[in-house]
Full PDB file with SEQRES, HELIX, SHEET, SSBOND, CRYST1, ORIGX, SCALE, CONECT and MASTER records, all heavy atoms in Angstrom:
SEQRES   1 A   32  ARG GLU TYR SER TYR SER ASP ILE VAL ALA ILE SER GLU          
SEQRES   2 A   32  LYS ALA VAL PRO GLU ARG THR TYR GLU GLU GLN ILE ALA          
SEQRES   3 A   32  LEU ASN PHE SER HIS SER                                      
HELIX    1 AA1 TYR A    5  SER A   12  1                                   8    
HELIX    2 AA2 VAL A   16  GLU A   18  5                                   3    
HELIX    3 AA3 TYR A   21  ASN A   28  1                                   8    
CRYST1    1.000    1.000    1.000  90.00  90.00  90.00 P 1           1          
ORIGX1      1.000000  0.000000  0.000000        0.00000                         
ORIGX2      0.000000  1.000000  0.000000        0.00000                         
ORIGX3      0.000000  0.000000  1.000000        0.00000                         
SCALE1      1.000000  0.000000  0.000000        0.00000                         
SCALE2      0.000000  1.000000  0.000000        0.00000                         
SCALE3      0.000000  0.000000  1.000000        0.00000                         
ATOM      1  N   ARG A   1       0.543  -7.606  -8.786  1.00  0.00           N  
ATOM      2  CA  ARG A   1       0.913  -8.674  -7.858  1.00  0.00           C  
ATOM      3  C   ARG A   1       0.101  -8.567  -6.587  1.00  0.00           C  
ATOM      4  O   ARG A   1      -0.616  -7.591  -6.371  1.00  0.00           O  
ATOM      5  CB  ARG A   1       2.412  -8.588  -7.510  1.00  0.00           C  
ATOM      6  CG  ARG A   1       2.799  -7.338  -6.710  1.00  0.00           C  
ATOM      7  CD  ARG A   1       4.288  -7.327  -6.440  1.00  0.00           C  
ATOM      8  NE  ARG A   1       4.718  -6.204  -5.628  1.00  0.00           N  
ATOM      9  CZ  ARG A   1       4.724  -6.171  -4.297  1.00  0.00           C  
ATOM     10  NH1 ARG A   1       4.288  -7.232  -3.615  1.00  0.00           N  
ATOM     11  NH2 ARG A   1       5.145  -5.112  -3.631  1.00  0.00           N  
ATOM     12  N   GLU A   2       0.207  -9.594  -5.747  1.00  0.00           N  
ATOM     13  CA  GLU A   2      -0.449  -9.568  -4.452  1.00  0.00           C  
ATOM     14  C   GLU A   2       0.479  -8.887  -3.442  1.00  0.00           C  
ATOM     15  O   GLU A   2       1.697  -9.022  -3.506  1.00  0.00           O  
ATOM     16  CB  GLU A   2      -0.772 -10.984  -3.982  1.00  0.00           C  
ATOM     17  CG  GLU A   2      -1.821 -11.690  -4.825  1.00  0.00           C  
ATOM     18  CD  GLU A   2      -2.175 -13.053  -4.262  1.00  0.00           C  
ATOM     19  OE1 GLU A   2      -1.588 -13.432  -3.217  1.00  0.00           O  
ATOM     20  OE2 GLU A   2      -3.020 -13.736  -4.856  1.00  0.00           O  
ATOM     21  N   TYR A   3      -0.108  -8.162  -2.535  1.00  0.00           N  
ATOM     22  CA  TYR A   3       0.659  -7.459  -1.517  1.00  0.00           C  
ATOM     23  C   TYR A   3       0.477  -8.152  -0.174  1.00  0.00           C  
ATOM     24  O   TYR A   3      -0.644  -8.449   0.241  1.00  0.00           O  
ATOM     25  CB  TYR A   3       0.215  -6.001  -1.419  1.00  0.00           C  
ATOM     26  CG  TYR A   3       0.682  -5.153  -2.580  1.00  0.00           C  
ATOM     27  CD1 TYR A   3       0.031  -5.195  -3.808  1.00  0.00           C  
ATOM     28  CD2 TYR A   3       1.793  -4.327  -2.453  1.00  0.00           C  
ATOM     29  CE1 TYR A   3       0.456  -4.428  -4.885  1.00  0.00           C  
ATOM     30  CE2 TYR A   3       2.235  -3.551  -3.522  1.00  0.00           C  
ATOM     31  CZ  TYR A   3       1.567  -3.609  -4.731  1.00  0.00           C  
ATOM     32  OH  TYR A   3       2.006  -2.856  -5.787  1.00  0.00           O  
ATOM     33  N   SER A   4       1.587  -8.399   0.519  1.00  0.00           N  
ATOM     34  CA  SER A   4       1.553  -9.066   1.812  1.00  0.00           C  
ATOM     35  C   SER A   4       1.287  -8.055   2.924  1.00  0.00           C  
ATOM     36  O   SER A   4       1.259  -6.836   2.700  1.00  0.00           O  
ATOM     37  CB  SER A   4       2.887  -9.763   2.092  1.00  0.00           C  
ATOM     38  OG  SER A   4       3.916  -8.795   2.253  1.00  0.00           O  
ATOM     39  N   TYR A   5       1.109  -8.587   4.133  1.00  0.00           N  
ATOM     40  CA  TYR A   5       0.905  -7.731   5.300  1.00  0.00           C  
ATOM     41  C   TYR A   5       2.070  -6.747   5.447  1.00  0.00           C  
ATOM     42  O   TYR A   5       1.862  -5.544   5.632  1.00  0.00           O  
ATOM     43  CB  TYR A   5       0.773  -8.590   6.556  1.00  0.00           C  
ATOM     44  CG  TYR A   5       0.801  -7.809   7.845  1.00  0.00           C  
ATOM     45  CD1 TYR A   5      -0.329  -7.133   8.296  1.00  0.00           C  
ATOM     46  CD2 TYR A   5       1.966  -7.744   8.611  1.00  0.00           C  
ATOM     47  CE1 TYR A   5      -0.296  -6.408   9.477  1.00  0.00           C  
ATOM     48  CE2 TYR A   5       1.997  -7.020   9.798  1.00  0.00           C  
ATOM     49  CZ  TYR A   5       0.872  -6.362  10.223  1.00  0.00           C  
ATOM     50  OH  TYR A   5       0.917  -5.648  11.394  1.00  0.00           O  
ATOM     51  N   SER A   6       3.304  -7.243   5.357  1.00  0.00           N  
ATOM     52  CA  SER A   6       4.474  -6.373   5.520  1.00  0.00           C  
ATOM     53  C   SER A   6       4.553  -5.339   4.402  1.00  0.00           C  
ATOM     54  O   SER A   6       4.996  -4.211   4.620  1.00  0.00           O  
ATOM     55  CB  SER A   6       5.762  -7.205   5.573  1.00  0.00           C  
ATOM     56  OG  SER A   6       5.901  -7.991   4.402  1.00  0.00           O  
ATOM     57  N   ASP A   7       4.109  -5.723   3.188  1.00  0.00           N  
ATOM     58  CA  ASP A   7       4.081  -4.767   2.078  1.00  0.00           C  
ATOM     59  C   ASP A   7       3.139  -3.608   2.397  1.00  0.00           C  
ATOM     60  O   ASP A   7       3.475  -2.436   2.189  1.00  0.00           O  
ATOM     61  CB  ASP A   7       3.595  -5.439   0.790  1.00  0.00           C  
ATOM     62  CG  ASP A   7       4.589  -6.442   0.219  1.00  0.00           C  
ATOM     63  OD1 ASP A   7       5.797  -6.253   0.429  1.00  0.00           O  
ATOM     64  OD2 ASP A   7       4.148  -7.411  -0.421  1.00  0.00           O  
ATOM     65  N   ILE A   8       1.950  -3.942   2.890  1.00  0.00           N  
ATOM     66  CA  ILE A   8       0.956  -2.918   3.201  1.00  0.00           C  
ATOM     67  C   ILE A   8       1.452  -2.002   4.308  1.00  0.00           C  
ATOM     68  O   ILE A   8       1.282  -0.783   4.258  1.00  0.00           O  
ATOM     69  CB  ILE A   8      -0.388  -3.563   3.613  1.00  0.00           C  
ATOM     70  CG1 ILE A   8      -0.946  -4.416   2.468  1.00  0.00           C  
ATOM     71  CG2 ILE A   8      -1.396  -2.494   4.010  1.00  0.00           C  
ATOM     72  CD1 ILE A   8      -1.217  -3.659   1.191  1.00  0.00           C  
ATOM     73  N   VAL A   9       2.093  -2.589   5.320  1.00  0.00           N  
ATOM     74  CA  VAL A   9       2.649  -1.782   6.410  1.00  0.00           C  
ATOM     75  C   VAL A   9       3.704  -0.821   5.861  1.00  0.00           C  
ATOM     76  O   VAL A   9       3.731   0.365   6.215  1.00  0.00           O  
ATOM     77  CB  VAL A   9       3.262  -2.680   7.505  1.00  0.00           C  
ATOM     78  CG1 VAL A   9       4.035  -1.838   8.517  1.00  0.00           C  
ATOM     79  CG2 VAL A   9       2.172  -3.475   8.203  1.00  0.00           C  
ATOM     80  N   ALA A  10       4.567  -1.335   4.986  1.00  0.00           N  
ATOM     81  CA  ALA A  10       5.619  -0.500   4.398  1.00  0.00           C  
ATOM     82  C   ALA A  10       5.022   0.643   3.575  1.00  0.00           C  
ATOM     83  O   ALA A  10       5.498   1.778   3.628  1.00  0.00           O  
ATOM     84  CB  ALA A  10       6.541  -1.354   3.533  1.00  0.00           C  
ATOM     85  N   ILE A  11       3.979   0.343   2.824  1.00  0.00           N  
ATOM     86  CA  ILE A  11       3.318   1.374   2.011  1.00  0.00           C  
ATOM     87  C   ILE A  11       2.707   2.448   2.914  1.00  0.00           C  
ATOM     88  O   ILE A  11       2.812   3.645   2.640  1.00  0.00           O  
ATOM     89  CB  ILE A  11       2.230   0.755   1.111  1.00  0.00           C  
ATOM     90  CG1 ILE A  11       2.872  -0.143   0.051  1.00  0.00           C  
ATOM     91  CG2 ILE A  11       1.397   1.842   0.435  1.00  0.00           C  
ATOM     92  CD1 ILE A  11       1.869  -0.976  -0.735  1.00  0.00           C  
ATOM     93  N   SER A  12       2.068   2.009   3.999  1.00  0.00           N  
ATOM     94  CA  SER A  12       1.410   2.955   4.900  1.00  0.00           C  
ATOM     95  C   SER A  12       2.405   3.909   5.543  1.00  0.00           C  
ATOM     96  O   SER A  12       2.043   5.025   5.943  1.00  0.00           O  
ATOM     97  CB  SER A  12       0.628   2.208   5.978  1.00  0.00           C  
ATOM     98  OG  SER A  12       1.508   1.553   6.882  1.00  0.00           O  
ATOM     99  N   GLU A  13       3.658   3.490   5.652  1.00  0.00           N  
ATOM    100  CA  GLU A  13       4.692   4.316   6.277  1.00  0.00           C  
ATOM    101  C   GLU A  13       5.300   5.317   5.296  1.00  0.00           C  
ATOM    102  O   GLU A  13       6.040   6.210   5.698  1.00  0.00           O  
ATOM    103  CB  GLU A  13       5.790   3.423   6.866  1.00  0.00           C  
ATOM    104  CG  GLU A  13       5.297   2.595   8.063  1.00  0.00           C  
ATOM    105  CD  GLU A  13       6.328   1.604   8.562  1.00  0.00           C  
ATOM    106  OE1 GLU A  13       7.336   1.383   7.832  1.00  0.00           O  
ATOM    107  OE2 GLU A  13       6.134   1.048   9.656  1.00  0.00           O  
ATOM    108  N   LYS A  14       4.989   5.164   4.018  1.00  0.00           N  
ATOM    109  CA  LYS A  14       5.482   6.118   3.018  1.00  0.00           C  
ATOM    110  C   LYS A  14       4.633   7.385   3.041  1.00  0.00           C  
ATOM    111  O   LYS A  14       3.441   7.344   3.326  1.00  0.00           O  
ATOM    112  CB  LYS A  14       5.405   5.508   1.609  1.00  0.00           C  
ATOM    113  CG  LYS A  14       6.409   4.429   1.305  1.00  0.00           C  
ATOM    114  CD  LYS A  14       6.271   4.023  -0.164  1.00  0.00           C  
ATOM    115  CE  LYS A  14       7.285   2.991  -0.580  1.00  0.00           C  
ATOM    116  NZ  LYS A  14       7.154   2.631  -2.017  1.00  0.00           N  
ATOM    117  N   ALA A  15       5.258   8.498   2.681  1.00  0.00           N  
ATOM    118  CA  ALA A  15       4.485   9.719   2.486  1.00  0.00           C  
ATOM    119  C   ALA A  15       3.597   9.523   1.259  1.00  0.00           C  
ATOM    120  O   ALA A  15       3.996   8.837   0.310  1.00  0.00           O  
ATOM    121  CB  ALA A  15       5.417  10.906   2.285  1.00  0.00           C  
ATOM    122  N   VAL A  16       2.413  10.133   1.271  1.00  0.00           N  
ATOM    123  CA  VAL A  16       1.452   9.933   0.169  1.00  0.00           C  
ATOM    124  C   VAL A  16       2.069  10.225  -1.204  1.00  0.00           C  
ATOM    125  O   VAL A  16       1.886   9.437  -2.148  1.00  0.00           O  
ATOM    126  CB  VAL A  16       0.189  10.791   0.389  1.00  0.00           C  
ATOM    127  CG1 VAL A  16      -0.744  10.703  -0.814  1.00  0.00           C  
ATOM    128  CG2 VAL A  16      -0.536  10.327   1.651  1.00  0.00           C  
ATOM    129  N   PRO A  17       2.830  11.315  -1.377  1.00  0.00           N  
ATOM    130  CA  PRO A  17       3.391  11.590  -2.714  1.00  0.00           C  
ATOM    131  C   PRO A  17       4.386  10.529  -3.201  1.00  0.00           C  
ATOM    132  O   PRO A  17       4.661  10.435  -4.396  1.00  0.00           O  
ATOM    133  CB  PRO A  17       4.100  12.944  -2.525  1.00  0.00           C  
ATOM    134  CG  PRO A  17       3.447  13.562  -1.333  1.00  0.00           C  
ATOM    135  CD  PRO A  17       3.127  12.410  -0.433  1.00  0.00           C  
ATOM    136  N   GLU A  18       4.918   9.732  -2.258  1.00  0.00           N  
ATOM    137  CA  GLU A  18       5.918   8.725  -2.627  1.00  0.00           C  
ATOM    138  C   GLU A  18       5.287   7.401  -3.040  1.00  0.00           C  
ATOM    139  O   GLU A  18       5.969   6.520  -3.558  1.00  0.00           O  
ATOM    140  CB  GLU A  18       6.874   8.485  -1.446  1.00  0.00           C  
ATOM    141  CG  GLU A  18       7.700   9.709  -1.069  1.00  0.00           C  
ATOM    142  CD  GLU A  18       8.558   9.465   0.149  1.00  0.00           C  
ATOM    143  OE1 GLU A  18       8.497   8.343   0.703  1.00  0.00           O  
ATOM    144  OE2 GLU A  18       9.284  10.381   0.568  1.00  0.00           O  
ATOM    145  N   ARG A  19       3.979   7.249  -2.830  1.00  0.00           N  
ATOM    146  CA  ARG A  19       3.305   5.994  -3.175  1.00  0.00           C  
ATOM    147  C   ARG A  19       2.941   5.977  -4.649  1.00  0.00           C  
ATOM    148  O   ARG A  19       2.508   6.985  -5.206  1.00  0.00           O  
ATOM    149  CB  ARG A  19       2.030   5.829  -2.347  1.00  0.00           C  
ATOM    150  CG  ARG A  19       2.244   5.767  -0.849  1.00  0.00           C  
ATOM    151  CD  ARG A  19       0.920   5.837  -0.111  1.00  0.00           C  
ATOM    152  NE  ARG A  19       1.109   5.989   1.323  1.00  0.00           N  
ATOM    153  CZ  ARG A  19       0.175   6.413   2.155  1.00  0.00           C  
ATOM    154  NH1 ARG A  19      -1.035   6.716   1.690  1.00  0.00           N  
ATOM    155  NH2 ARG A  19       0.425   6.541   3.446  1.00  0.00           N  
ATOM    156  N   THR A  20       3.110   4.811  -5.262  1.00  0.00           N  
ATOM    157  CA  THR A  20       2.649   4.663  -6.638  1.00  0.00           C  
ATOM    158  C   THR A  20       1.125   4.501  -6.626  1.00  0.00           C  
ATOM    159  O   THR A  20       0.519   4.245  -5.583  1.00  0.00           O  
ATOM    160  CB  THR A  20       3.283   3.436  -7.308  1.00  0.00           C  
ATOM    161  OG1 THR A  20       2.787   2.241  -6.661  1.00  0.00           O  
ATOM    162  CG2 THR A  20       4.800   3.466  -7.212  1.00  0.00           C  
ATOM    163  N   TYR A  21       0.551   4.633  -7.808  1.00  0.00           N  
ATOM    164  CA  TYR A  21      -0.909   4.469  -7.930  1.00  0.00           C  
ATOM    165  C   TYR A  21      -1.335   3.072  -7.473  1.00  0.00           C  
ATOM    166  O   TYR A  21      -2.301   2.918  -6.730  1.00  0.00           O  
ATOM    167  CB  TYR A  21      -1.307   4.703  -9.384  1.00  0.00           C  
ATOM    168  CG  TYR A  21      -2.789   4.623  -9.655  1.00  0.00           C  
ATOM    169  CD1 TYR A  21      -3.676   5.522  -9.077  1.00  0.00           C  
ATOM    170  CD2 TYR A  21      -3.303   3.647 -10.519  1.00  0.00           C  
ATOM    171  CE1 TYR A  21      -5.043   5.457  -9.343  1.00  0.00           C  
ATOM    172  CE2 TYR A  21      -4.667   3.579 -10.786  1.00  0.00           C  
ATOM    173  CZ  TYR A  21      -5.533   4.485 -10.188  1.00  0.00           C  
ATOM    174  OH  TYR A  21      -6.886   4.416 -10.445  1.00  0.00           O  
ATOM    175  N   GLU A  22      -0.587   2.073  -7.893  1.00  0.00           N  
ATOM    176  CA  GLU A  22      -0.930   0.699  -7.496  1.00  0.00           C  
ATOM    177  C   GLU A  22      -0.755   0.492  -5.996  1.00  0.00           C  
ATOM    178  O   GLU A  22      -1.541  -0.214  -5.366  1.00  0.00           O  
ATOM    179  CB  GLU A  22      -0.090  -0.303  -8.288  1.00  0.00           C  
ATOM    180  CG  GLU A  22      -0.487  -0.412  -9.742  1.00  0.00           C  
ATOM    181  CD  GLU A  22      -0.226  -1.797 -10.313  1.00  0.00           C  
ATOM    182  OE1 GLU A  22       0.309  -2.653  -9.582  1.00  0.00           O  
ATOM    183  OE2 GLU A  22      -0.581  -2.024 -11.491  1.00  0.00           O  
ATOM    184  N   GLU A  23       0.277   1.100  -5.418  1.00  0.00           N  
ATOM    185  CA  GLU A  23       0.475   0.977  -3.967  1.00  0.00           C  
ATOM    186  C   GLU A  23      -0.685   1.615  -3.208  1.00  0.00           C  
ATOM    187  O   GLU A  23      -1.134   1.082  -2.188  1.00  0.00           O  
ATOM    188  CB  GLU A  23       1.796   1.627  -3.560  1.00  0.00           C  
ATOM    189  CG  GLU A  23       3.027   0.831  -3.945  1.00  0.00           C  
ATOM    190  CD  GLU A  23       4.316   1.521  -3.584  1.00  0.00           C  
ATOM    191  OE1 GLU A  23       4.307   2.771  -3.441  1.00  0.00           O  
ATOM    192  OE2 GLU A  23       5.352   0.841  -3.443  1.00  0.00           O  
ATOM    193  N   GLN A  24      -1.180   2.736  -3.721  1.00  0.00           N  
ATOM    194  CA  GLN A  24      -2.302   3.390  -3.061  1.00  0.00           C  
ATOM    195  C   GLN A  24      -3.563   2.533  -3.154  1.00  0.00           C  
ATOM    196  O   GLN A  24      -4.348   2.454  -2.200  1.00  0.00           O  
ATOM    197  CB  GLN A  24      -2.558   4.764  -3.692  1.00  0.00           C  
ATOM    198  CG  GLN A  24      -3.499   5.641  -2.878  1.00  0.00           C  
ATOM    199  CD  GLN A  24      -2.933   5.991  -1.510  1.00  0.00           C  
ATOM    200  OE1 GLN A  24      -1.854   6.562  -1.396  1.00  0.00           O  
ATOM    201  NE2 GLN A  24      -3.663   5.623  -0.456  1.00  0.00           N  
ATOM    202  N   ILE A  25      -3.740   1.881  -4.284  1.00  0.00           N  
ATOM    203  CA  ILE A  25      -4.877   0.964  -4.431  1.00  0.00           C  
ATOM    204  C   ILE A  25      -4.753  -0.187  -3.428  1.00  0.00           C  
ATOM    205  O   ILE A  25      -5.713  -0.547  -2.748  1.00  0.00           O  
ATOM    206  CB  ILE A  25      -4.950   0.409  -5.868  1.00  0.00           C  
ATOM    207  CG1 ILE A  25      -5.322   1.517  -6.845  1.00  0.00           C  
ATOM    208  CG2 ILE A  25      -5.974  -0.730  -5.958  1.00  0.00           C  
ATOM    209  CD1 ILE A  25      -5.260   1.093  -8.304  1.00  0.00           C  
ATOM    210  N   ALA A  26      -3.560  -0.761  -3.359  1.00  0.00           N  
ATOM    211  CA  ALA A  26      -3.323  -1.876  -2.433  1.00  0.00           C  
ATOM    212  C   ALA A  26      -3.633  -1.466  -0.997  1.00  0.00           C  
ATOM    213  O   ALA A  26      -4.236  -2.225  -0.231  1.00  0.00           O  
ATOM    214  CB  ALA A  26      -1.884  -2.352  -2.549  1.00  0.00           C  
ATOM    215  N   LEU A  27      -3.231  -0.256  -0.624  1.00  0.00           N  
ATOM    216  CA  LEU A  27      -3.448   0.225   0.730  1.00  0.00           C  
ATOM    217  C   LEU A  27      -4.929   0.492   0.998  1.00  0.00           C  
ATOM    218  O   LEU A  27      -5.468   0.091   2.033  1.00  0.00           O  
ATOM    219  CB  LEU A  27      -2.635   1.506   0.952  1.00  0.00           C  
ATOM    220  CG  LEU A  27      -2.715   2.140   2.344  1.00  0.00           C  
ATOM    221  CD1 LEU A  27      -2.155   1.195   3.391  1.00  0.00           C  
ATOM    222  CD2 LEU A  27      -1.955   3.461   2.362  1.00  0.00           C  
ATOM    223  N   ASN A  28      -5.597   1.144   0.045  1.00  0.00           N  
ATOM    224  CA  ASN A  28      -6.988   1.563   0.254  1.00  0.00           C  
ATOM    225  C   ASN A  28      -7.998   0.414   0.217  1.00  0.00           C  
ATOM    226  O   ASN A  28      -9.041   0.480   0.857  1.00  0.00           O  
ATOM    227  CB  ASN A  28      -7.392   2.599  -0.792  1.00  0.00           C  
ATOM    228  CG  ASN A  28      -6.915   3.984  -0.426  1.00  0.00           C  
ATOM    229  OD1 ASN A  28      -5.776   4.150  -0.015  1.00  0.00           O  
ATOM    230  ND2 ASN A  28      -7.763   4.987  -0.572  1.00  0.00           N  
ATOM    231  N   PHE A  29      -7.678  -0.638  -0.542  1.00  0.00           N  
ATOM    232  CA  PHE A  29      -8.674  -1.691  -0.751  1.00  0.00           C  
ATOM    233  C   PHE A  29      -8.287  -3.026  -0.119  1.00  0.00           C  
ATOM    234  O   PHE A  29      -8.836  -4.064  -0.469  1.00  0.00           O  
ATOM    235  CB  PHE A  29      -8.934  -1.878  -2.245  1.00  0.00           C  
ATOM    236  CG  PHE A  29      -9.532  -0.656  -2.902  1.00  0.00           C  
ATOM    237  CD1 PHE A  29      -8.746   0.207  -3.636  1.00  0.00           C  
ATOM    238  CD2 PHE A  29     -10.883  -0.376  -2.756  1.00  0.00           C  
ATOM    239  CE1 PHE A  29      -9.290   1.339  -4.231  1.00  0.00           C  
ATOM    240  CE2 PHE A  29     -11.440   0.749  -3.357  1.00  0.00           C  
ATOM    241  CZ  PHE A  29     -10.638   1.621  -4.092  1.00  0.00           C  
ATOM    242  N   SER A  30      -7.335  -2.993   0.821  1.00  0.00           N  
ATOM    243  CA  SER A  30      -6.867  -4.241   1.437  1.00  0.00           C  
ATOM    244  C   SER A  30      -7.439  -4.470   2.825  1.00  0.00           C  
ATOM    245  O   SER A  30      -6.953  -5.330   3.557  1.00  0.00           O  
ATOM    246  CB  SER A  30      -5.329  -4.257   1.513  1.00  0.00           C  
ATOM    247  OG  SER A  30      -4.759  -4.364   0.244  1.00  0.00           O  
ATOM    248  N   HIS A  31      -8.459  -3.721   3.217  1.00  0.00           N  
ATOM    249  CA  HIS A  31      -8.953  -3.816   4.597  1.00  0.00           C  
ATOM    250  C   HIS A  31      -9.399  -5.230   4.963  1.00  0.00           C  
ATOM    251  O   HIS A  31      -9.030  -5.750   6.018  1.00  0.00           O  
ATOM    252  CB  HIS A  31     -10.110  -2.833   4.805  1.00  0.00           C  
ATOM    253  CG  HIS A  31      -9.727  -1.410   4.562  1.00  0.00           C  
ATOM    254  ND1 HIS A  31      -8.719  -0.784   5.263  1.00  0.00           N  
ATOM    255  CD2 HIS A  31     -10.203  -0.489   3.689  1.00  0.00           C  
ATOM    256  CE1 HIS A  31      -8.601   0.454   4.844  1.00  0.00           C  
ATOM    257  NE2 HIS A  31      -9.478   0.665   3.880  1.00  0.00           N  
ATOM    258  N   SER A  32     -10.191  -5.859   4.121  1.00  0.00           N  
ATOM    259  CA  SER A  32     -10.663  -7.213   4.451  1.00  0.00           C  
ATOM    260  C   SER A  32      -9.505  -8.193   4.474  1.00  0.00           C  
ATOM    261  O   SER A  32      -9.440  -9.094   5.319  1.00  0.00           O  
ATOM    262  CB  SER A  32     -11.720  -7.672   3.444  1.00  0.00           C  
ATOM    263  OG  SER A  32     -11.176  -7.698   2.128  1.00  0.00           O  
TER     264      SER A  32                                                      
MASTER        0    0    0    3    0    0    0    6  263    1    0    3          
END                                                                             
């Protein structure tokens, strides 16, 4: 799915071990 601004913010606030693989992808590749 597509991740919104608030989704990315929420993911960034999680500890790294708590992020799913897809969440980490969303966080790492959503800069633009």
